[in-house]
Amino acid sequence: MKKNISRNPLWPDWYNGKKIDEVQFGRAFLEQWPLKCVNDTLYTLDGPVEDESEIKQRILENIEEYVTSGLSKKVTNILETIKLLAFSDPFPIEQDCIHFQNGVYHLPDGSFQESRLFCQNRLPVRYAPKAASPDRWLTFLHELLDDADIPTLQEYLGYCLIPSTKGQKMMLIVGKGGEGKSRIGLVLKRLMGDAASNGSVQKVEN
């Protein structure tokens, strides 16, 4: 005759005194740490999870006092359950908004949403609606370029911030060395992070 285990009110809902309900644990985990799983890759609001060890560590910290053996296997099984529960179709390619670290800028009406959404292309910078005029940057551009070329550069840099190539254009800035052209590449790298690369044509050829 099996002896019923009286439930300890301090136990989490996903533990019954003998075993962990992996599905219930997974749902509780996702409520606390939202994740999406696309093509077997987990995403946080910051982007793809490159190393799942941090998530495994969080799982471990939650279950270790309720597991007496096979802890590593249990953590792995729960991680796979979380992936199933977090399944998502690939994120849509959004050309009408720009995802920042602190929210989403909507291009059609110029509004800013102060909450983050799951996406593939979040910029590594924050949007500052009340930022001061970039006088130093504009002075630099006027020293480097003809006035008529500045709007073209600004348009191109803005175009780089959305996931679209429908313009079918590339931009070349031609001039002598030491004039400051590479600084534009550095600014773009700062705006776009790993999505941008800065270097010489010779490096591209190699």
Protein backbone atom coordinates (compact mmCIF):
# COMPACT_ATOMS: atom_id res chain seq x y z
CA MET A 1 0.00 0.00 0.00
CA LYS A 2 1.44 3.34 -1.09
CA LYS A 3 1.82 5.99 1.53
CA ASN A 4 0.42 9.35 0.55
CA ILE A 5 2.80 12.24 0.97
CA SER A 6 1.26 15.25 2.65
CA ARG A 7 1.94 18.32 0.58
CA ASN A 8 4.34 20.86 2.02
CA PRO A 9 2.89 24.33 1.40
CA LEU A 10 6.42 25.57 0.72
CA TRP A 11 6.84 23.29 -2.28
CA PRO A 12 6.46 24.90 -5.70
CA ASP A 13 3.41 23.88 -7.73
CA TRP A 14 5.57 21.79 -10.09
CA TYR A 15 6.81 19.47 -7.31
CA ASN A 16 4.64 16.87 -5.56
CA GLY A 17 7.12 15.50 -3.05
CA LYS A 18 8.47 12.81 -5.36
CA LYS A 19 8.99 14.22 -8.80
CA ILE A 20 9.05 17.39 -10.83
CA ASP A 21 6.32 18.07 -13.36
CA GLU A 22 8.55 19.21 -16.23
CA VAL A 23 5.75 20.83 -18.22
CA GLN A 24 4.46 22.80 -15.26
CA PHE A 25 8.01 23.81 -14.35
CA GLY A 26 8.66 24.92 -17.93
CA ARG A 27 5.58 27.12 -17.99
CA ALA A 28 6.49 28.71 -14.66
CA PHE A 29 10.05 29.26 -15.91
CA LEU A 30 8.85 30.99 -19.08
CA GLU A 31 6.60 33.28 -17.06
CA GLN A 32 9.62 34.47 -15.11
CA TRP A 33 12.13 34.43 -18.00
CA PRO A 34 10.33 34.88 -21.34
CA LEU A 35 11.92 32.92 -24.18
CA LYS A 36 11.07 32.00 -27.75
CA CYS A 37 12.47 28.99 -29.59
CA VAL A 38 12.94 29.37 -33.35
CA ASN A 39 14.53 26.52 -35.31
CA ASP A 40 15.84 25.02 -32.05
CA THR A 41 17.53 28.31 -31.09
CA LEU A 42 16.35 30.07 -27.95
CA TYR A 43 15.83 33.83 -28.01
CA THR A 44 15.55 36.29 -25.17
CA LEU A 45 14.43 39.88 -25.71
CA ASP A 46 18.14 40.66 -26.20
CA GLY A 47 18.48 38.24 -29.12
CA PRO A 48 19.62 34.65 -29.73
CA VAL A 49 21.05 32.66 -26.83
CA GLU A 50 24.59 31.81 -27.92
CA ASP A 51 25.36 29.68 -24.85
CA GLU A 52 22.59 27.70 -23.14
CA SER A 53 24.69 27.12 -20.01
CA GLU A 54 23.22 30.21 -18.33
CA ILE A 55 19.70 28.89 -18.82
CA LYS A 56 20.76 25.48 -17.53
CA GLN A 57 22.21 27.17 -14.47
CA ARG A 58 18.91 28.92 -13.78
CA ILE A 59 17.07 25.62 -14.09
CA LEU A 60 19.58 23.99 -11.74
CA GLU A 61 19.18 26.69 -9.11
CA ASN A 62 15.42 26.11 -9.10
CA ILE A 63 15.36 22.31 -8.92
CA GLU A 64 18.52 21.15 -7.14
CA GLU A 65 16.92 20.85 -3.70
CA TYR A 66 14.16 18.64 -5.15
CA VAL A 67 16.36 16.20 -7.11
CA THR A 68 18.45 13.53 -5.37
CA SER A 69 19.97 11.82 -8.42
CA GLY A 70 20.41 12.33 -12.16
CA LEU A 71 20.49 16.10 -11.74
CA SER A 72 22.37 16.79 -14.99
CA LYS A 73 19.97 14.66 -17.03
CA LYS A 74 16.97 16.29 -15.39
CA VAL A 75 18.27 19.78 -16.24
CA THR A 76 18.80 18.74 -19.87
CA ASN A 77 15.32 17.20 -20.10
CA ILE A 78 13.71 20.31 -18.65
CA LEU A 79 15.61 22.52 -21.10
CA GLU A 80 14.25 20.47 -24.00
CA THR A 81 10.74 20.77 -22.52
CA ILE A 82 11.16 24.55 -22.30
CA LYS A 83 12.18 24.64 -25.96
CA LEU A 84 9.01 22.78 -26.92
CA LEU A 85 6.83 25.10 -24.83
CA ALA A 86 8.59 28.19 -26.22
CA PHE A 87 8.24 27.13 -29.87
CA SER A 88 7.70 30.03 -32.26
CA ASP A 89 7.56 30.53 -35.98
CA PRO A 90 10.45 32.62 -37.35
CA PHE A 91 10.12 36.27 -36.37
CA PRO A 92 8.71 38.44 -39.17
CA ILE A 93 11.01 40.81 -41.01
CA GLU A 94 9.76 44.23 -39.95
CA GLN A 95 10.66 47.09 -42.27
CA ASP A 96 8.37 49.64 -40.65
CA CYS A 97 9.98 49.77 -37.22
CA ILE A 98 13.38 49.88 -35.55
CA HIS A 99 14.05 47.84 -32.41
CA PHE A 100 16.20 49.57 -29.80
CA GLN A 101 17.45 48.41 -26.41
CA ASN A 102 14.69 50.38 -24.68
CA GLY A 103 11.76 49.93 -27.06
CA VAL A 104 10.47 50.10 -30.61
CA TYR A 105 10.40 53.12 -32.92
CA HIS A 106 7.52 52.96 -35.42
CA LEU A 107 8.43 54.62 -38.71
CA PRO A 108 4.93 55.28 -40.15
CA ASP A 109 3.87 57.68 -37.38
CA GLY A 110 7.15 58.39 -35.56
CA SER A 111 5.87 56.96 -32.29
CA PHE A 112 8.04 55.18 -29.74
CA GLN A 113 6.86 52.13 -27.81
CA GLU A 114 8.62 51.84 -24.45
CA SER A 115 8.53 48.06 -24.31
CA ARG A 116 10.63 45.52 -26.12
CA LEU A 117 9.37 42.80 -28.45
CA PHE A 118 11.04 39.65 -29.69
CA CYS A 119 12.86 40.32 -32.95
CA GLN A 120 15.87 39.36 -35.06
CA ASN A 121 17.44 42.77 -35.49
CA ARG A 122 17.66 44.77 -32.26
CA LEU A 123 20.17 47.60 -32.37
CA PRO A 124 22.68 47.73 -29.48
CA VAL A 125 21.78 51.34 -28.62
CA ARG A 126 19.00 53.14 -26.77
CA TYR A 127 16.58 55.57 -28.39
CA ALA A 128 16.67 59.03 -26.82
CA PRO A 129 13.68 61.09 -28.02
CA LYS A 130 14.96 64.21 -26.23
CA ALA A 131 18.57 63.89 -27.33
CA ALA A 132 20.39 67.14 -28.01
CA SER A 133 21.16 68.20 -31.56
CA PRO A 134 24.28 66.32 -32.83
CA ASP A 135 26.19 69.53 -33.49
CA ARG A 136 29.63 67.92 -33.28
CA TRP A 137 28.63 65.20 -35.75
CA LEU A 138 27.12 67.70 -38.18
CA THR A 139 30.23 69.88 -37.97
CA PHE A 140 32.35 66.84 -38.80
CA LEU A 141 30.16 66.03 -41.83
CA HIS A 142 30.36 69.60 -43.13
CA GLU A 143 34.15 69.43 -42.87
CA LEU A 144 34.30 66.09 -44.67
CA LEU A 145 31.59 66.34 -47.33
CA ASP A 146 29.98 68.82 -49.67
CA ASP A 147 26.74 70.14 -48.19
CA ALA A 148 24.71 68.48 -50.95
CA ASP A 149 26.14 65.05 -50.03
CA ILE A 150 25.19 65.16 -46.35
CA PRO A 151 21.47 64.34 -46.82
CA THR A 152 22.50 61.40 -49.03
CA LEU A 153 24.74 60.03 -46.28
CA GLN A 154 22.04 60.52 -43.66
CA GLU A 155 19.49 58.75 -45.85
CA TYR A 156 21.87 55.84 -46.44
CA LEU A 157 22.68 55.44 -42.74
CA GLY A 158 18.98 55.48 -41.92
CA TYR A 159 18.37 52.87 -44.62
CA CYS A 160 20.96 50.63 -42.94
CA LEU A 161 18.83 50.57 -39.78
CA ILE A 162 15.99 48.60 -41.36
CA PRO A 163 16.21 45.01 -42.71
CA SER A 164 15.70 45.84 -46.38
CA THR A 165 17.81 45.88 -49.53
CA LYS A 166 15.08 46.99 -51.92
CA GLY A 167 17.02 50.15 -52.68
CA GLN A 168 19.65 48.01 -54.44
CA LYS A 169 22.30 50.64 -53.75
CA MET A 170 25.73 50.82 -52.19
CA MET A 171 27.64 53.89 -51.09
CA LEU A 172 31.27 54.75 -51.75
CA ILE A 173 33.01 57.62 -49.98
CA VAL A 174 36.07 58.52 -52.01
CA GLY A 175 38.92 60.68 -50.76
CA LYS A 176 42.44 60.83 -49.44
CA GLY A 177 43.65 59.03 -46.36
CA GLY A 178 43.38 60.68 -42.97
CA GLU A 179 40.35 62.80 -43.83
CA GLY A 180 38.03 61.04 -41.39
CA LYS A 181 36.04 58.78 -43.72
CA SER A 182 36.63 55.74 -41.52
CA ARG A 183 34.90 57.52 -38.62
CA ILE A 184 31.61 57.12 -40.45
CA GLY A 185 32.22 53.37 -40.44
CA LEU A 186 32.96 53.48 -36.72
CA VAL A 187 29.70 55.32 -36.05
CA LEU A 188 27.77 52.77 -38.11
CA LYS A 189 29.49 49.95 -36.22
CA ARG A 190 28.46 51.56 -32.93
CA LEU A 191 24.86 51.82 -34.11
CA MET A 192 24.57 48.34 -35.58
CA GLY A 193 26.99 46.25 -33.56
CA ASP A 194 27.95 42.93 -35.13
CA ALA A 195 25.63 43.60 -38.08
CA ALA A 196 28.20 46.08 -39.42
CA SER A 197 31.83 45.65 -40.37
CA ASN A 198 34.43 48.36 -40.72
CA GLY A 199 37.62 47.92 -42.73
CA SER A 200 39.46 48.55 -45.97
CA VAL A 201 38.57 47.29 -49.44
CA GLN A 202 41.81 45.31 -49.40
CA LYS A 203 40.60 43.35 -46.37
CA VAL A 204 37.34 42.54 -48.16
CA GLU A 205 39.29 41.31 -51.20
CA ASN A 206 41.33 38.98 -49.02
